Amino acid sequence: MNFEDFAGIVASGYDQIADLYATWAARIYSPERERVTRLLLDSLPPASRVLELGCGNGEPTARLLSQRFDYTGVDISAEQLARAGRAAPSATFVQSDMTALEFPDSGFAGIVALFSIVHLPFEQHAPLFRNVLSWLAPGGIFAFNSGANATYRGYEEDWLGAPMVWSHPGPETTRQLVHKAGFEILSQRVETINEGHGPATFVWWTARKPEASA
C-alpha cells in the first residue's frame, strides 16, 4: 500500500462508506466530544467565526455549532460534505485537504478537529498546528483529539468497508508539538469509547492562542 497517498485513501474511503459510517457514528457516544462542543458554545460570543477541520457528515458538531456561530466546515470527502450541507444548511463548507488550506491570520475565535488529525501523516501535524495558531485570533480556542498510542503508519484494508489510514505520534510528542507551535495547553484528557467492534482510546486536548502571541 502507498503511504504517500494518505489524502487519496481518506477521501475515497469516506466517500465509499458514507451510509455505513453515518449509522455507525450515530451509535457512538463520546462525553468528551459533547464537552468540547459545549465549551465552544458556552465560551464564545454568538456569531463568532468557528472552523472545523474534518467535519464529516456534520453530525453532530457542524449542526450544533452552526446554529450559534459563523461556522466553516472543511472535509476532504465530497460525499461527507454533501451530507454536512444538509445537516447544517446555514454553514459554509470547503472541500480540501486540511493541510492545503489558506485562511487570513487571526480570522477564527475557535477551531476544532475531532477524529480528523489522526488521518494526517505525522510529518504534517506540526505544520498544521502552526497554521491553526495563525488562523486563531489571540485568546482563541483550539480543541482536537489524537491517538493514545504511537502509530506512525496505521492501515486497515477494510475499515467499515473501505481502506483507511491513521498516523499519530502518541500523547507526549503531541504535547510537545502543540506547545512548540505556540499554544497554551489548557487540558489533556483521556477517553475510551466503545466503537462497537471494541474499545478505542483517544486523548482530548484544549489549547489557547496566547493573547500576546508573536
Protein backbone atom coordinates (compact mmCIF):
# COMPACT_ATOMS: atom_id res chain seq x y z
CA MET A 1 0.00 0.00 0.00
CA ASN A 2 1.19 3.51 -0.85
CA PHE A 3 1.57 5.51 2.34
CA GLU A 4 2.36 8.58 0.24
CA ASP A 5 -1.32 8.85 -0.71
CA PHE A 6 -2.88 9.37 2.70
CA ALA A 7 -5.23 12.07 1.38
CA GLY A 8 -6.48 9.95 -1.50
CA ILE A 9 -7.14 6.94 0.71
CA VAL A 10 -9.02 9.01 3.28
CA ALA A 11 -11.10 10.87 0.67
CA SER A 12 -12.14 7.78 -1.29
CA GLY A 13 -12.67 5.78 1.89
CA TYR A 14 -15.10 8.22 3.45
CA ASP A 15 -16.90 8.62 0.12
CA GLN A 16 -17.38 4.86 -0.10
CA ILE A 17 -18.59 4.26 3.45
CA ALA A 18 -20.83 7.32 3.84
CA ASP A 19 -24.02 5.40 4.62
CA LEU A 20 -22.48 2.85 6.96
CA TYR A 21 -20.33 5.50 8.64
CA ALA A 22 -23.38 7.64 9.41
CA THR A 23 -25.15 4.71 11.08
CA TRP A 24 -22.02 3.58 12.92
CA ALA A 25 -21.02 7.03 14.19
CA ALA A 26 -24.55 7.82 15.41
CA ARG A 27 -24.33 4.87 17.83
CA ILE A 28 -21.06 6.02 19.43
CA TYR A 29 -21.34 8.30 22.45
CA SER A 30 -18.34 10.40 23.40
CA PRO A 31 -18.75 12.58 26.51
CA GLU A 32 -15.54 14.39 25.55
CA ARG A 33 -16.93 15.36 22.16
CA GLU A 34 -20.01 16.69 23.89
CA ARG A 35 -17.85 18.57 26.40
CA VAL A 36 -15.73 20.20 23.69
CA THR A 37 -18.80 21.29 21.75
CA ARG A 38 -20.33 22.74 24.90
CA LEU A 39 -17.08 24.53 25.73
CA LEU A 40 -17.26 26.45 22.46
CA LEU A 41 -20.98 27.11 22.74
CA ASP A 42 -20.60 28.49 26.26
CA SER A 43 -17.33 30.40 25.94
CA LEU A 44 -17.54 32.14 22.56
CA PRO A 45 -19.84 35.08 21.76
CA PRO A 46 -22.71 34.49 19.32
CA ALA A 47 -21.77 34.86 15.64
CA SER A 48 -18.09 34.17 16.36
CA ARG A 49 -16.22 32.65 13.43
CA VAL A 50 -15.55 28.95 14.06
CA LEU A 51 -13.68 26.46 11.87
CA GLU A 52 -13.94 22.68 11.94
CA LEU A 53 -11.20 20.63 10.29
CA GLY A 54 -12.63 17.30 9.21
CA CYS A 55 -16.34 18.00 9.68
CA GLY A 56 -17.50 14.69 8.19
CA ASN A 57 -21.24 14.49 7.64
CA GLY A 58 -21.92 17.37 10.02
CA GLU A 59 -23.37 15.29 12.83
CA PRO A 60 -23.46 16.49 15.45
CA THR A 61 -20.79 19.19 15.61
CA ALA A 62 -21.47 21.22 12.47
CA ARG A 63 -25.21 21.14 13.09
CA LEU A 64 -24.86 22.39 16.66
CA LEU A 65 -22.12 24.98 16.16
CA SER A 66 -23.68 26.46 13.03
CA GLN A 67 -26.83 27.32 14.99
CA ARG A 68 -24.87 29.82 17.09
CA PHE A 69 -21.73 30.72 15.14
CA ASP A 70 -20.46 31.76 11.73
CA TYR A 71 -19.29 28.24 11.04
CA THR A 72 -16.99 26.91 8.31
CA GLY A 73 -16.51 23.17 7.90
CA VAL A 74 -13.70 21.55 5.92
CA ASP A 75 -13.56 17.95 4.74
CA ILE A 76 -11.68 16.05 2.07
CA SER A 77 -14.67 13.83 1.19
CA ALA A 78 -17.22 15.20 -1.27
CA GLU A 79 -19.90 12.79 -0.09
CA GLN A 80 -19.40 13.68 3.57
CA LEU A 81 -19.61 17.40 2.72
CA ALA A 82 -22.84 16.92 0.80
CA ARG A 83 -24.37 15.37 3.90
CA ALA A 84 -22.92 18.09 6.14
CA GLY A 85 -24.58 20.69 3.95
CA ARG A 86 -27.95 19.08 4.66
CA ALA A 87 -27.23 18.84 8.40
CA ALA A 88 -26.11 22.48 8.67
CA PRO A 89 -27.68 24.47 5.81
CA SER A 90 -26.58 27.86 7.18
CA ALA A 91 -22.90 26.87 7.30
CA THR A 92 -20.06 27.37 4.84
CA PHE A 93 -18.26 24.24 3.61
CA VAL A 94 -14.94 23.77 1.83
CA GLN A 95 -13.70 20.56 0.22
CA SER A 96 -9.96 20.36 0.85
CA ASP A 97 -7.10 18.50 2.42
CA MET A 98 -6.75 20.46 5.67
CA THR A 99 -3.01 20.78 5.12
CA ALA A 100 -3.62 22.76 1.90
CA LEU A 101 -5.89 25.40 3.44
CA GLU A 102 -5.16 29.10 3.46
CA PHE A 103 -7.04 31.46 5.77
CA PRO A 104 -6.30 35.01 6.93
CA ASP A 105 -4.39 35.42 10.17
CA SER A 106 -6.49 35.76 13.33
CA GLY A 107 -9.71 35.00 11.46
CA PHE A 108 -11.34 32.50 13.84
CA ALA A 109 -12.33 32.56 17.50
CA GLY A 110 -12.37 28.78 17.73
CA ILE A 111 -11.09 25.81 15.73
CA VAL A 112 -11.95 22.15 16.28
CA ALA A 113 -10.56 18.97 14.71
CA LEU A 114 -12.36 15.89 16.03
CA PHE A 115 -11.26 12.41 14.90
CA SER A 116 -9.57 14.00 11.88
CA ILE A 117 -5.92 14.89 12.57
CA VAL A 118 -5.36 11.17 13.16
CA HIS A 119 -5.79 10.73 9.39
CA LEU A 120 -2.83 13.00 8.57
CA PRO A 121 0.72 11.70 8.19
CA PHE A 122 2.63 12.50 11.37
CA GLU A 123 5.01 14.76 9.43
CA GLN A 124 2.09 17.10 8.71
CA HIS A 125 0.97 17.53 12.32
CA ALA A 126 3.49 20.23 13.32
CA PRO A 127 2.86 22.42 10.23
CA LEU A 128 -0.89 22.10 10.77
CA PHE A 129 -0.61 23.18 14.41
CA ARG A 130 1.37 26.25 13.32
CA ASN A 131 -1.28 27.08 10.73
CA VAL A 132 -4.07 26.70 13.27
CA LEU A 133 -2.27 29.09 15.62
CA SER A 134 -2.00 31.69 12.84
CA TRP A 135 -5.69 31.35 11.93
CA LEU A 136 -6.85 31.87 15.51
CA ALA A 137 -7.43 35.28 17.00
CA PRO A 138 -5.47 35.98 20.20
CA GLY A 139 -7.21 34.14 23.01
CA GLY A 140 -8.83 31.75 20.52
CA ILE A 141 -9.56 28.13 21.44
CA PHE A 142 -8.28 25.04 19.64
CA ALA A 143 -9.82 21.67 20.52
CA PHE A 144 -8.86 18.36 18.96
CA ASN A 145 -8.24 14.73 19.75
CA SER A 146 -5.35 12.41 18.99
CA GLY A 147 -4.49 8.75 19.31
CA ALA A 148 -3.48 7.47 22.72
CA ASN A 149 -0.64 5.35 21.34
CA ALA A 150 2.06 5.97 18.77
CA THR A 151 1.01 4.67 15.34
CA TYR A 152 3.12 6.31 12.68
CA ARG A 153 1.70 4.33 9.77
CA GLY A 154 -1.57 2.57 10.55
CA TYR A 155 -3.60 0.87 7.83
CA GLU A 156 -6.73 -1.27 7.61
CA GLU A 157 -7.75 -2.87 4.34
CA ASP A 158 -11.39 -2.99 5.41
CA TRP A 159 -12.48 -0.30 7.87
CA LEU A 160 -16.27 -0.16 7.71
CA GLY A 161 -15.97 -1.33 4.11
CA ALA A 162 -13.04 0.64 2.71
CA PRO A 163 -9.27 1.01 3.18
CA MET A 164 -8.28 3.61 5.80
CA VAL A 165 -5.07 5.10 7.22
CA TRP A 166 -4.01 6.63 10.54
CA SER A 167 -0.93 8.35 11.88
CA HIS A 168 -0.31 9.77 15.34
CA PRO A 169 2.82 10.06 17.47
CA GLY A 170 1.41 9.49 20.95
CA PRO A 171 0.47 11.99 23.68
CA GLU A 172 3.90 13.19 24.78
CA THR A 173 5.06 14.07 21.28
CA THR A 174 1.70 15.66 20.50
CA ARG A 175 2.01 17.81 23.63
CA GLN A 176 5.48 18.92 22.55
CA LEU A 177 4.29 19.79 19.04
CA VAL A 178 1.32 21.81 20.30
CA HIS A 179 3.47 23.67 22.82
CA LYS A 180 6.20 24.33 20.25
CA ALA A 181 3.62 25.73 17.83
CA GLY A 182 2.93 28.43 20.43
CA PHE A 183 -0.22 27.27 22.22
CA GLU A 184 -1.02 27.30 25.91
CA ILE A 185 -2.37 23.83 26.70
CA LEU A 186 -5.46 24.09 28.88
CA SER A 187 -6.39 20.44 29.27
CA GLN A 188 -5.38 16.92 28.26
CA ARG A 189 -7.97 14.24 28.94
CA VAL A 190 -8.05 10.55 28.05
CA GLU A 191 -11.27 8.86 26.96
CA THR A 192 -12.01 5.30 25.92
CA ILE A 193 -15.13 4.83 23.83
CA ASN A 194 -16.92 1.73 22.59
CA GLU A 195 -16.74 1.69 18.80
CA GLY A 196 -18.95 -1.38 18.51
CA HIS A 197 -16.16 -3.75 17.45
CA GLY A 198 -14.11 -2.90 20.55
CA PRO A 199 -12.72 -0.06 22.67
CA ALA A 200 -10.74 2.88 21.25
CA THR A 201 -8.80 5.36 23.36
CA PHE A 202 -8.17 8.98 22.41
CA VAL A 203 -6.53 11.97 24.07
CA TRP A 204 -8.65 15.13 24.00
CA TRP A 205 -6.83 18.46 24.00
CA THR A 206 -7.94 22.02 24.52
CA ALA A 207 -5.43 24.78 23.90
CA ARG A 208 -5.45 28.54 23.62
CA LYS A 209 -3.59 31.04 21.50
CA PRO A 210 -1.93 33.48 23.90
CA GLU A 211 -3.39 36.96 23.99
CA ALA A 212 0.02 38.42 23.06
CA SER A 213 1.11 35.75 20.58
CA ALA A 214 4.08 36.60 18.43
